[in-house]
Amino acid sequence: MTSLKQLSSSKCHGGHLQKFSHSSESTGTEMKFSIFLPSSSNDNKLPVLYFLSGLTCTEDNFVQKSCALKRANDLQLIIVAPDTSPRGLNLPDENNSWDFGSGASFYVDATREPWLKHYRMHSYVAKELPALIEKNFPCSEKRSIFGHSMGGHGALSIFLKHPHYFVSVSAFAPIARPSHCPWGKKAFGGYLQLKDEWAEYDSTELVKKAKLGRPVEILIDQGTADEFYVKKQLLPEDFAEAAKQNSNVKVNLRMQDGYDHSYYFIQTFINDHLKHHANALNHTASL
C-alpha cells in the first residue's frame, strides 16, 4: 500500500479537511491532495467527489475558496482535490509560462519528451488516485468528478473515457474543445507527440462516440462575462452541440449572466453541482 504522509488536518463544518502527500507511480513524483471527510465518515462508507482545478492552481484552491465544504458535510460527500500537475522536475520550459508545464498538466498522459515519463495526470486521476483513496479512507465504490476551466476539461474527458468508473460529471467554465482553442493547442502540441492523439482528450470529440450504457445529464455552468469565454478559449456551445449526436447524453448548459471565471462564480453555483452529484450517486441525505 502506498504510504501517505499527512501534512495538515483542520476541523471544518463538523468534518475534517486534511492534506496528504504520497509517492505517485503515475508521475514518478511526490503528489499532494486535499480531502474533506464529513462528520459521519468514521461510521459509514461515503461516496467520493473528485474536483479538478484549473491552470496555476494547487490542491488548496478549491477547498479554500469554493465554499463547498459545509454543503458537502450536509450531503455527506467526501471531496478530493488533487494538485494540477507534477512539481519540481526542472524539465526544460516546465516553469517558463503559466499555461504550460507546472500547474498546467491538462490532465493528459504525455507522449512527447521530456514530459512523457512524469506528466501522466490522466492515469493519476482516473486510476491511481481513486484506488489510493479507496484503500485508505472510508469510501464506498461510488465516485463522481467535476472541475473548473482546465479541470473542467479534465473532468469531462476523464468521465467520457471512463463512464463506468465515474457515476456523474459536471463542470464550471470548462475548456470544452481544447483542440480548437489557443490554450489547448499549446498544451496538446507540447505534451502529445502526434496531432492524431488530440481527439483522445478533446471532450467535444469524445462525447460524440462515448459508450455510456445509460442516460447521463452533464451540468455545465458558464459565465457570460468570463474573459476566457469571450476570447474563445472555452467553447462550451461546441460541446453541447456535439453531445446531440449521442442519444445517452443530455447537456444542461447554463449561461449565467454577468459572471466571470473566478471562484466567486464557483461559490455562487457550487450547491447546484453538489446536489447534481448527490442525486446521481443516490446519496441524498439532507438534499
C-alpha atoms as a PDB file:
ATOM      1  CA  MET A   1       0.000   0.000   0.000  1.00  0.00           C
ATOM      2  CA  THR A   2       1.281   3.442  -0.892  1.00  0.00           C
ATOM      3  CA  SER A   3       2.400   5.325   2.196  1.00  0.00           C
ATOM      4  CA  LEU A   4       0.538   8.554   2.873  1.00  0.00           C
ATOM      5  CA  LYS A   5       2.132  11.441   4.727  1.00  0.00           C
ATOM      6  CA  GLN A   6      -0.358  13.699   6.473  1.00  0.00           C
ATOM      7  CA  LEU A   7       0.587  17.345   6.115  1.00  0.00           C
ATOM      8  CA  SER A   8      -2.321  19.038   7.895  1.00  0.00           C
ATOM      9  CA  SER A   9      -5.740  18.498   9.445  1.00  0.00           C
ATOM     10  CA  SER A  10      -8.407  21.038  10.411  1.00  0.00           C
ATOM     11  CA  LYS A  11     -11.926  20.529  11.684  1.00  0.00           C
ATOM     12  CA  CYS A  12     -14.413  22.251   9.380  1.00  0.00           C
ATOM     13  CA  HIS A  13     -18.230  22.254   9.397  1.00  0.00           C
ATOM     14  CA  GLY A  14     -18.238  19.142  11.593  1.00  0.00           C
ATOM     15  CA  GLY A  15     -15.919  17.188   9.319  1.00  0.00           C
ATOM     16  CA  HIS A  16     -12.180  17.333   8.754  1.00  0.00           C
ATOM     17  CA  LEU A  17     -10.170  18.892   5.944  1.00  0.00           C
ATOM     18  CA  GLN A  18      -6.854  17.121   5.574  1.00  0.00           C
ATOM     19  CA  LYS A  19      -3.880  17.302   3.230  1.00  0.00           C
ATOM     20  CA  PHE A  20      -1.630  14.408   2.278  1.00  0.00           C
ATOM     21  CA  SER A  21       1.369  13.695   0.082  1.00  0.00           C
ATOM     22  CA  HIS A  22       2.428  10.400  -1.427  1.00  0.00           C
ATOM     23  CA  SER A  23       4.819   8.932  -3.953  1.00  0.00           C
ATOM     24  CA  SER A  24       2.979   8.522  -7.266  1.00  0.00           C
ATOM     25  CA  GLU A  25       3.655   5.661  -9.653  1.00  0.00           C
ATOM     26  CA  SER A  26       1.935   7.564 -12.465  1.00  0.00           C
ATOM     27  CA  THR A  27       4.036  10.709 -12.269  1.00  0.00           C
ATOM     28  CA  GLY A  28       7.173   9.406 -10.597  1.00  0.00           C
ATOM     29  CA  THR A  29       6.980  12.350  -8.201  1.00  0.00           C
ATOM     30  CA  GLU A  30       5.574  13.269  -4.819  1.00  0.00           C
ATOM     31  CA  MET A  31       1.942  14.307  -5.297  1.00  0.00           C
ATOM     32  CA  LYS A  32      -0.368  16.158  -2.909  1.00  0.00           C
ATOM     33  CA  PHE A  33      -4.122  16.131  -2.467  1.00  0.00           C
ATOM     34  CA  SER A  34      -6.672  17.671  -0.119  1.00  0.00           C
ATOM     35  CA  ILE A  35      -9.551  15.591   1.209  1.00  0.00           C
ATOM     36  CA  PHE A  36     -12.661  16.627   3.118  1.00  0.00           C
ATOM     37  CA  LEU A  37     -14.068  13.877   5.327  1.00  0.00           C
ATOM     38  CA  PRO A  38     -17.638  14.601   6.500  1.00  0.00           C
ATOM     39  CA  SER A  39     -18.754  14.156  10.082  1.00  0.00           C
ATOM     40  CA  SER A  40     -20.179  10.639   9.597  1.00  0.00           C
ATOM     41  CA  SER A  41     -17.206   9.252   7.670  1.00  0.00           C
ATOM     42  CA  ASN A  42     -15.961   7.371  10.722  1.00  0.00           C
ATOM     43  CA  ASP A  43     -19.175   5.363  10.806  1.00  0.00           C
ATOM     44  CA  ASN A  44     -20.129   4.983   7.131  1.00  0.00           C
ATOM     45  CA  LYS A  45     -18.559   4.415   3.762  1.00  0.00           C
ATOM     46  CA  LEU A  46     -19.354   7.520   1.741  1.00  0.00           C
ATOM     47  CA  PRO A  47     -19.231   8.357  -1.976  1.00  0.00           C
ATOM     48  CA  VAL A  48     -16.331  10.439  -3.270  1.00  0.00           C
ATOM     49  CA  LEU A  49     -16.488  13.539  -5.444  1.00  0.00           C
ATOM     50  CA  TYR A  50     -13.232  14.474  -7.209  1.00  0.00           C
ATOM     51  CA  PHE A  51     -12.617  18.111  -8.127  1.00  0.00           C
ATOM     52  CA  LEU A  52     -10.028  19.027 -10.761  1.00  0.00           C
ATOM     53  CA  SER A  53      -8.723  22.580 -10.564  1.00  0.00           C
ATOM     54  CA  GLY A  54      -7.628  24.915 -13.328  1.00  0.00           C
ATOM     55  CA  LEU A  55      -4.427  26.494 -14.593  1.00  0.00           C
ATOM     56  CA  THR A  56      -1.924  27.620 -11.927  1.00  0.00           C
ATOM     57  CA  CYS A  57      -3.950  26.026  -9.114  1.00  0.00           C
ATOM     58  CA  THR A  58      -2.882  23.513  -6.464  1.00  0.00           C
ATOM     59  CA  GLU A  59      -4.671  21.097  -4.154  1.00  0.00           C
ATOM     60  CA  ASP A  60      -5.635  24.086  -1.960  1.00  0.00           C
ATOM     61  CA  ASN A  61      -7.632  26.410  -4.209  1.00  0.00           C
ATOM     62  CA  PHE A  62     -10.944  24.596  -4.352  1.00  0.00           C
ATOM     63  CA  VAL A  63     -11.190  23.584  -0.707  1.00  0.00           C
ATOM     64  CA  GLN A  64     -10.224  27.078   0.458  1.00  0.00           C
ATOM     65  CA  LYS A  65     -12.213  29.231  -1.994  1.00  0.00           C
ATOM     66  CA  SER A  66     -15.272  27.310  -3.236  1.00  0.00           C
ATOM     67  CA  CYS A  67     -17.403  27.395  -0.052  1.00  0.00           C
ATOM     68  CA  ALA A  68     -18.254  23.760  -0.799  1.00  0.00           C
ATOM     69  CA  LEU A  69     -17.402  22.069   2.472  1.00  0.00           C
ATOM     70  CA  LYS A  70     -20.469  22.929   4.566  1.00  0.00           C
ATOM     71  CA  ARG A  71     -22.789  21.584   1.879  1.00  0.00           C
ATOM     72  CA  ALA A  72     -20.543  18.570   1.348  1.00  0.00           C
ATOM     73  CA  ASN A  73     -20.883  17.802   5.041  1.00  0.00           C
ATOM     74  CA  ASP A  74     -24.667  18.217   4.849  1.00  0.00           C
ATOM     75  CA  LEU A  75     -24.764  15.811   1.899  1.00  0.00           C
ATOM     76  CA  GLN A  76     -22.145  13.515   3.442  1.00  0.00           C
ATOM     77  CA  LEU A  77     -19.928  13.593   0.368  1.00  0.00           C
ATOM     78  CA  ILE A  78     -16.171  13.104   0.563  1.00  0.00           C
ATOM     79  CA  ILE A  79     -14.372  15.718  -1.545  1.00  0.00           C
ATOM     80  CA  VAL A  80     -10.919  15.033  -3.008  1.00  0.00           C
ATOM     81  CA  ALA A  81      -8.932  17.800  -4.719  1.00  0.00           C
ATOM     82  CA  PRO A  82      -5.592  16.748  -6.226  1.00  0.00           C
ATOM     83  CA  ASP A  83      -2.786  19.015  -7.358  1.00  0.00           C
ATOM     84  CA  THR A  84      -2.902  20.017 -11.027  1.00  0.00           C
ATOM     85  CA  SER A  85       0.462  18.632 -12.167  1.00  0.00           C
ATOM     86  CA  PRO A  86       3.723  17.061 -11.052  1.00  0.00           C
ATOM     87  CA  ARG A  87       6.108  19.513  -9.392  1.00  0.00           C
ATOM     88  CA  GLY A  88       9.807  20.152  -9.065  1.00  0.00           C
ATOM     89  CA  LEU A  89      11.121  18.155 -12.008  1.00  0.00           C
ATOM     90  CA  ASN A  90      13.107  21.051 -13.508  1.00  0.00           C
ATOM     91  CA  LEU A  91      12.281  19.970 -17.035  1.00  0.00           C
ATOM     92  CA  PRO A  92      13.068  22.394 -19.872  1.00  0.00           C
ATOM     93  CA  ASP A  93      10.277  25.001 -20.140  1.00  0.00           C
ATOM     94  CA  GLU A  94       8.451  23.499 -17.141  1.00  0.00           C
ATOM     95  CA  ASN A  95       8.275  26.812 -15.297  1.00  0.00           C
ATOM     96  CA  ASN A  96       8.513  29.326 -18.149  1.00  0.00           C
ATOM     97  CA  SER A  97       4.783  30.039 -18.620  1.00  0.00           C
ATOM     98  CA  TRP A  98       1.647  29.861 -16.511  1.00  0.00           C
ATOM     99  CA  ASP A  99      -0.386  27.892 -19.064  1.00  0.00           C
ATOM    100  CA  PHE A 100       2.077  25.062 -19.765  1.00  0.00           C
ATOM    101  CA  GLY A 101       4.171  22.810 -17.561  1.00  0.00           C
ATOM    102  CA  SER A 102       3.986  23.152 -13.794  1.00  0.00           C
ATOM    103  CA  GLY A 103       0.377  23.707 -12.707  1.00  0.00           C
ATOM    104  CA  ALA A 104      -0.867  23.139 -16.257  1.00  0.00           C
ATOM    105  CA  SER A 105      -0.891  19.405 -16.973  1.00  0.00           C
ATOM    106  CA  PHE A 106      -4.176  19.490 -18.921  1.00  0.00           C
ATOM    107  CA  TYR A 107      -4.846  16.058 -17.393  1.00  0.00           C
ATOM    108  CA  VAL A 108      -3.333  14.113 -20.289  1.00  0.00           C
ATOM    109  CA  ASP A 109      -0.829  11.277 -20.405  1.00  0.00           C
ATOM    110  CA  ALA A 110       2.021  12.913 -22.294  1.00  0.00           C
ATOM    111  CA  THR A 111       3.650  11.094 -25.208  1.00  0.00           C
ATOM    112  CA  ARG A 112       6.306  13.674 -26.105  1.00  0.00           C
ATOM    113  CA  GLU A 113       9.720  14.039 -24.472  1.00  0.00           C
ATOM    114  CA  PRO A 114      10.603  15.273 -21.899  1.00  0.00           C
ATOM    115  CA  TRP A 115       7.079  15.099 -20.458  1.00  0.00           C
ATOM    116  CA  LEU A 116       6.054  11.510 -21.088  1.00  0.00           C
ATOM    117  CA  LYS A 117       7.642   9.910 -18.009  1.00  0.00           C
ATOM    118  CA  HIS A 118       6.041  12.267 -15.496  1.00  0.00           C
ATOM    119  CA  TYR A 119       3.132  14.225 -16.970  1.00  0.00           C
ATOM    120  CA  ARG A 120       0.646  11.369 -16.707  1.00  0.00           C
ATOM    121  CA  MET A 121      -2.175  13.114 -14.890  1.00  0.00           C
ATOM    122  CA  HIS A 122      -4.908  11.301 -16.801  1.00  0.00           C
ATOM    123  CA  SER A 123      -3.759   7.970 -15.372  1.00  0.00           C
ATOM    124  CA  TYR A 124      -3.181   9.547 -11.972  1.00  0.00           C
ATOM    125  CA  VAL A 125      -6.710  10.957 -11.672  1.00  0.00           C
ATOM    126  CA  ALA A 126      -8.594   8.183 -13.449  1.00  0.00           C
ATOM    127  CA  LYS A 127      -6.840   5.217 -11.860  1.00  0.00           C
ATOM    128  CA  GLU A 128      -4.127   5.717  -9.255  1.00  0.00           C
ATOM    129  CA  LEU A 129      -5.703   8.362  -7.037  1.00  0.00           C
ATOM    130  CA  PRO A 130      -9.153   6.726  -6.676  1.00  0.00           C
ATOM    131  CA  ALA A 131      -7.510   3.390  -5.842  1.00  0.00           C
ATOM    132  CA  LEU A 132      -5.366   5.120  -3.232  1.00  0.00           C
ATOM    133  CA  ILE A 133      -8.321   6.960  -1.704  1.00  0.00           C
ATOM    134  CA  GLU A 134     -10.472   3.846  -1.515  1.00  0.00           C
ATOM    135  CA  LYS A 135      -7.729   1.859   0.216  1.00  0.00           C
ATOM    136  CA  ASN A 136      -7.011   4.476   2.861  1.00  0.00           C
ATOM    137  CA  PHE A 137     -10.303   6.253   3.621  1.00  0.00           C
ATOM    138  CA  PRO A 138     -13.893   5.223   4.493  1.00  0.00           C
ATOM    139  CA  CYS A 139     -15.189   5.364   0.924  1.00  0.00           C
ATOM    140  CA  SER A 140     -17.795   3.462  -0.985  1.00  0.00           C
ATOM    141  CA  GLU A 141     -17.049   2.468  -4.572  1.00  0.00           C
ATOM    142  CA  LYS A 142     -19.299   5.239  -5.868  1.00  0.00           C
ATOM    143  CA  ARG A 143     -17.369   8.174  -7.308  1.00  0.00           C
ATOM    144  CA  SER A 144     -18.092  11.231  -9.435  1.00  0.00           C
ATOM    145  CA  ILE A 145     -15.975  14.011 -10.902  1.00  0.00           C
ATOM    146  CA  PHE A 146     -16.177  17.738 -11.667  1.00  0.00           C
ATOM    147  CA  GLY A 147     -13.821  20.623 -12.293  1.00  0.00           C
ATOM    148  CA  HIS A 148     -13.154  24.200 -13.362  1.00  0.00           C
ATOM    149  CA  SER A 149     -11.586  25.534 -16.572  1.00  0.00           C
ATOM    150  CA  MET A 150      -8.638  23.223 -17.384  1.00  0.00           C
ATOM    151  CA  GLY A 151     -10.042  20.988 -14.649  1.00  0.00           C
ATOM    152  CA  GLY A 152     -13.463  21.107 -16.283  1.00  0.00           C
ATOM    153  CA  HIS A 153     -11.800  19.794 -19.432  1.00  0.00           C
ATOM    154  CA  GLY A 154     -10.119  17.126 -17.336  1.00  0.00           C
ATOM    155  CA  ALA A 155     -13.342  16.081 -15.626  1.00  0.00           C
ATOM    156  CA  LEU A 156     -15.307  15.863 -18.874  1.00  0.00           C
ATOM    157  CA  SER A 157     -12.623  13.963 -20.775  1.00  0.00           C
ATOM    158  CA  ILE A 158     -11.882  11.535 -17.931  1.00  0.00           C
ATOM    159  CA  PHE A 159     -15.573  10.833 -17.393  1.00  0.00           C
ATOM    160  CA  LEU A 160     -16.225  10.262 -21.098  1.00  0.00           C
ATOM    161  CA  LYS A 161     -13.254   7.888 -21.345  1.00  0.00           C
ATOM    162  CA  HIS A 162     -14.213   6.030 -18.137  1.00  0.00           C
ATOM    163  CA  PRO A 163     -18.025   6.295 -17.872  1.00  0.00           C
ATOM    164  CA  HIS A 164     -18.397   3.041 -15.959  1.00  0.00           C
ATOM    165  CA  TYR A 165     -15.924   4.171 -13.313  1.00  0.00           C
ATOM    166  CA  PHE A 166     -17.485   7.560 -12.544  1.00  0.00           C
ATOM    167  CA  VAL A 167     -21.201   7.978 -11.906  1.00  0.00           C
ATOM    168  CA  SER A 168     -21.629  11.627 -12.911  1.00  0.00           C
ATOM    169  CA  VAL A 169     -19.792  14.704 -14.164  1.00  0.00           C
ATOM    170  CA  SER A 170     -20.196  18.470 -14.145  1.00  0.00           C
ATOM    171  CA  ALA A 171     -18.033  21.478 -14.927  1.00  0.00           C
ATOM    172  CA  PHE A 172     -17.576  25.182 -14.313  1.00  0.00           C
ATOM    173  CA  ALA A 173     -16.404  27.105 -17.399  1.00  0.00           C
ATOM    174  CA  PRO A 174     -14.621  24.089 -18.914  1.00  0.00           C
ATOM    175  CA  ILE A 175     -12.112  24.245 -21.747  1.00  0.00           C
ATOM    176  CA  ALA A 176     -14.621  22.190 -23.665  1.00  0.00           C
ATOM    177  CA  ARG A 177     -12.908  21.948 -27.059  1.00  0.00           C
ATOM    178  CA  PRO A 178      -9.176  22.179 -26.341  1.00  0.00           C
ATOM    179  CA  SER A 179      -8.018  21.130 -29.801  1.00  0.00           C
ATOM    180  CA  HIS A 180      -9.662  24.291 -31.201  1.00  0.00           C
ATOM    181  CA  CYS A 181      -8.524  26.945 -28.718  1.00  0.00           C
ATOM    182  CA  PRO A 182      -5.130  28.579 -28.044  1.00  0.00           C
ATOM    183  CA  TRP A 183      -4.668  27.058 -24.566  1.00  0.00           C
ATOM    184  CA  GLY A 184      -5.428  23.560 -25.756  1.00  0.00           C
ATOM    185  CA  LYS A 185      -3.351  23.798 -28.921  1.00  0.00           C
ATOM    186  CA  LYS A 186      -0.342  24.884 -26.872  1.00  0.00           C
ATOM    187  CA  ALA A 187      -0.798  22.102 -24.315  1.00  0.00           C
ATOM    188  CA  PHE A 188      -1.642  19.286 -26.714  1.00  0.00           C
ATOM    189  CA  GLY A 189       1.112  20.336 -29.101  1.00  0.00           C
ATOM    190  CA  GLY A 190       3.620  20.327 -26.257  1.00  0.00           C
ATOM    191  CA  TYR A 191       2.594  17.155 -24.451  1.00  0.00           C
ATOM    192  CA  LEU A 192       1.378  14.901 -27.271  1.00  0.00           C
ATOM    193  CA  GLN A 193       3.654  13.522 -29.961  1.00  0.00           C
ATOM    194  CA  LEU A 194       1.041  13.195 -32.714  1.00  0.00           C
ATOM    195  CA  LYS A 195      -1.803  15.523 -33.628  1.00  0.00           C
ATOM    196  CA  ASP A 196      -3.967  12.424 -34.110  1.00  0.00           C
ATOM    197  CA  GLU A 197      -3.787  11.992 -30.319  1.00  0.00           C
ATOM    198  CA  TRP A 198      -5.541  15.287 -29.623  1.00  0.00           C
ATOM    199  CA  ALA A 199      -9.028  13.871 -30.157  1.00  0.00           C
ATOM    200  CA  GLU A 200      -8.395  11.318 -27.405  1.00  0.00           C
ATOM    201  CA  TYR A 201      -8.552  14.145 -24.851  1.00  0.00           C
ATOM    202  CA  ASP A 202     -10.946  16.568 -26.554  1.00  0.00           C
ATOM    203  CA  SER A 203     -14.340  16.310 -24.833  1.00  0.00           C
ATOM    204  CA  THR A 204     -16.191  17.684 -27.839  1.00  0.00           C
ATOM    205  CA  GLU A 205     -14.871  14.770 -29.897  1.00  0.00           C
ATOM    206  CA  LEU A 206     -15.217  12.215 -27.109  1.00  0.00           C
ATOM    207  CA  VAL A 207     -18.859  12.977 -26.342  1.00  0.00           C
ATOM    208  CA  LYS A 208     -19.972  12.092 -29.867  1.00  0.00           C
ATOM    209  CA  LYS A 209     -18.994   8.438 -29.528  1.00  0.00           C
ATOM    210  CA  ALA A 210     -18.794   7.826 -25.771  1.00  0.00           C
ATOM    211  CA  LYS A 211     -20.323   4.444 -24.905  1.00  0.00           C
ATOM    212  CA  LEU A 212     -22.062   5.325 -21.680  1.00  0.00           C
ATOM    213  CA  GLY A 213     -24.519   2.456 -21.421  1.00  0.00           C
ATOM    214  CA  ARG A 214     -27.015   4.689 -19.594  1.00  0.00           C
ATOM    215  CA  PRO A 215     -28.562   8.154 -19.834  1.00  0.00           C
ATOM    216  CA  VAL A 216     -26.304  10.844 -18.379  1.00  0.00           C
ATOM    217  CA  GLU A 217     -27.013  14.513 -17.706  1.00  0.00           C
ATOM    218  CA  ILE A 218     -23.947  16.751 -17.772  1.00  0.00           C
ATOM    219  CA  LEU A 219     -24.258  20.036 -15.889  1.00  0.00           C
ATOM    220  CA  ILE A 220     -22.127  22.936 -17.160  1.00  0.00           C
ATOM    221  CA  ASP A 221     -22.209  26.471 -15.800  1.00  0.00           C
ATOM    222  CA  GLN A 222     -20.640  29.250 -17.873  1.00  0.00           C
ATOM    223  CA  GLY A 223     -20.472  32.934 -17.016  1.00  0.00           C
ATOM    224  CA  THR A 224     -21.279  35.348 -19.828  1.00  0.00           C
ATOM    225  CA  ALA A 225     -18.715  37.889 -18.523  1.00  0.00           C
ATOM    226  CA  ASP A 226     -15.935  35.307 -18.397  1.00  0.00           C
ATOM    227  CA  GLU A 227     -12.990  36.863 -20.267  1.00  0.00           C
ATOM    228  CA  PHE A 228     -11.792  33.478 -21.457  1.00  0.00           C
ATOM    229  CA  TYR A 229     -15.244  32.604 -22.783  1.00  0.00           C
ATOM    230  CA  VAL A 230     -15.242  35.901 -24.688  1.00  0.00           C
ATOM    231  CA  LYS A 231     -11.767  35.110 -26.053  1.00  0.00           C
ATOM    232  CA  LYS A 232     -12.968  31.720 -27.402  1.00  0.00           C
ATOM    233  CA  GLN A 233     -10.816  29.645 -25.056  1.00  0.00           C
ATOM    234  CA  LEU A 234     -13.723  27.615 -23.648  1.00  0.00           C
ATOM    235  CA  LEU A 235     -16.260  26.859 -26.428  1.00  0.00           C
ATOM    236  CA  PRO A 236     -18.972  25.173 -24.313  1.00  0.00           C
ATOM    237  CA  GLU A 237     -21.576  25.558 -27.065  1.00  0.00           C
ATOM    238  CA  ASP A 238     -19.446  23.352 -29.322  1.00  0.00           C
ATOM    239  CA  PHE A 239     -19.553  20.620 -26.680  1.00  0.00           C
ATOM    240  CA  ALA A 240     -23.314  20.946 -26.193  1.00  0.00           C
ATOM    241  CA  GLU A 241     -23.895  20.763 -29.951  1.00  0.00           C
ATOM    242  CA  ALA A 242     -21.646  17.702 -30.342  1.00  0.00           C
ATOM    243  CA  ALA A 243     -23.446  15.945 -27.489  1.00  0.00           C
ATOM    244  CA  LYS A 244     -26.634  15.926 -29.554  1.00  0.00           C
ATOM    245  CA  GLN A 245     -25.032  13.117 -31.576  1.00  0.00           C
ATOM    246  CA  ASN A 246     -25.064  10.852 -28.513  1.00  0.00           C
ATOM    247  CA  SER A 247     -28.544   9.680 -27.547  1.00  0.00           C
ATOM    248  CA  ASN A 248     -27.437   8.926 -23.977  1.00  0.00           C
ATOM    249  CA  VAL A 249     -26.165  12.438 -23.239  1.00  0.00           C
ATOM    250  CA  LYS A 250     -28.155  15.456 -22.138  1.00  0.00           C
ATOM    251  CA  VAL A 251     -26.147  18.639 -21.592  1.00  0.00           C
ATOM    252  CA  ASN A 252     -27.586  21.224 -19.239  1.00  0.00           C
ATOM    253  CA  LEU A 253     -25.524  24.252 -20.308  1.00  0.00           C
ATOM    254  CA  ARG A 254     -26.499  27.185 -18.104  1.00  0.00           C
ATOM    255  CA  MET A 255     -25.272  30.576 -19.278  1.00  0.00           C
ATOM    256  CA  GLN A 256     -25.004  32.673 -16.139  1.00  0.00           C
ATOM    257  CA  ASP A 257     -25.424  36.373 -16.891  1.00  0.00           C
ATOM    258  CA  GLY A 258     -22.613  38.648 -15.710  1.00  0.00           C
ATOM    259  CA  TYR A 259     -20.459  36.010 -14.006  1.00  0.00           C
ATOM    260  CA  ASP A 260     -16.722  35.756 -14.652  1.00  0.00           C
ATOM    261  CA  HIS A 261     -14.141  32.945 -14.437  1.00  0.00           C
ATOM    262  CA  SER A 262     -13.348  33.347 -10.741  1.00  0.00           C
ATOM    263  CA  TYR A 263     -14.119  31.394  -7.592  1.00  0.00           C
ATOM    264  CA  TYR A 264     -16.895  33.886  -6.844  1.00  0.00           C
ATOM    265  CA  PHE A 265     -18.653  32.317  -9.817  1.00  0.00           C
ATOM    266  CA  ILE A 266     -17.966  28.830  -8.462  1.00  0.00           C
ATOM    267  CA  GLN A 267     -19.194  29.809  -4.970  1.00  0.00           C
ATOM    268  CA  THR A 268     -22.474  31.022  -6.425  1.00  0.00           C
ATOM    269  CA  PHE A 269     -23.383  27.740  -8.100  1.00  0.00           C
ATOM    270  CA  ILE A 270     -21.453  25.141  -6.105  1.00  0.00           C
ATOM    271  CA  ASN A 271     -24.519  23.904  -4.234  1.00  0.00           C
ATOM    272  CA  ASP A 272     -26.245  23.040  -7.526  1.00  0.00           C
ATOM    273  CA  HIS A 273     -23.267  20.943  -8.575  1.00  0.00           C
ATOM    274  CA  LEU A 274     -23.046  19.131  -5.244  1.00  0.00           C
ATOM    275  CA  LYS A 275     -26.750  18.344  -5.411  1.00  0.00           C
ATOM    276  CA  HIS A 276     -26.360  17.181  -9.032  1.00  0.00           C
ATOM    277  CA  HIS A 277     -23.760  14.653  -7.953  1.00  0.00           C
ATOM    278  CA  ALA A 278     -25.513  13.603  -4.743  1.00  0.00           C
ATOM    279  CA  ASN A 279     -28.637  12.793  -6.757  1.00  0.00           C
ATOM    280  CA  ALA A 280     -26.657  10.797  -9.295  1.00  0.00           C
ATOM    281  CA  LEU A 281     -24.845   8.911  -6.549  1.00  0.00           C
ATOM    282  CA  ASN A 282     -28.194   8.067  -4.915  1.00  0.00           C
ATOM    283  CA  HIS A 283     -26.844   9.658  -1.799  1.00  0.00           C
ATOM    284  CA  THR A 284     -29.476  12.210  -0.926  1.00  0.00           C
ATOM    285  CA  ALA A 285     -29.080  12.905   2.788  1.00  0.00           C
ATOM    286  CA  SER A 286     -30.155  16.465   3.612  1.00  0.00           C
ATOM    287  CA  LEU A 287     -30.872  17.436  -0.006  1.00  0.00           C
END
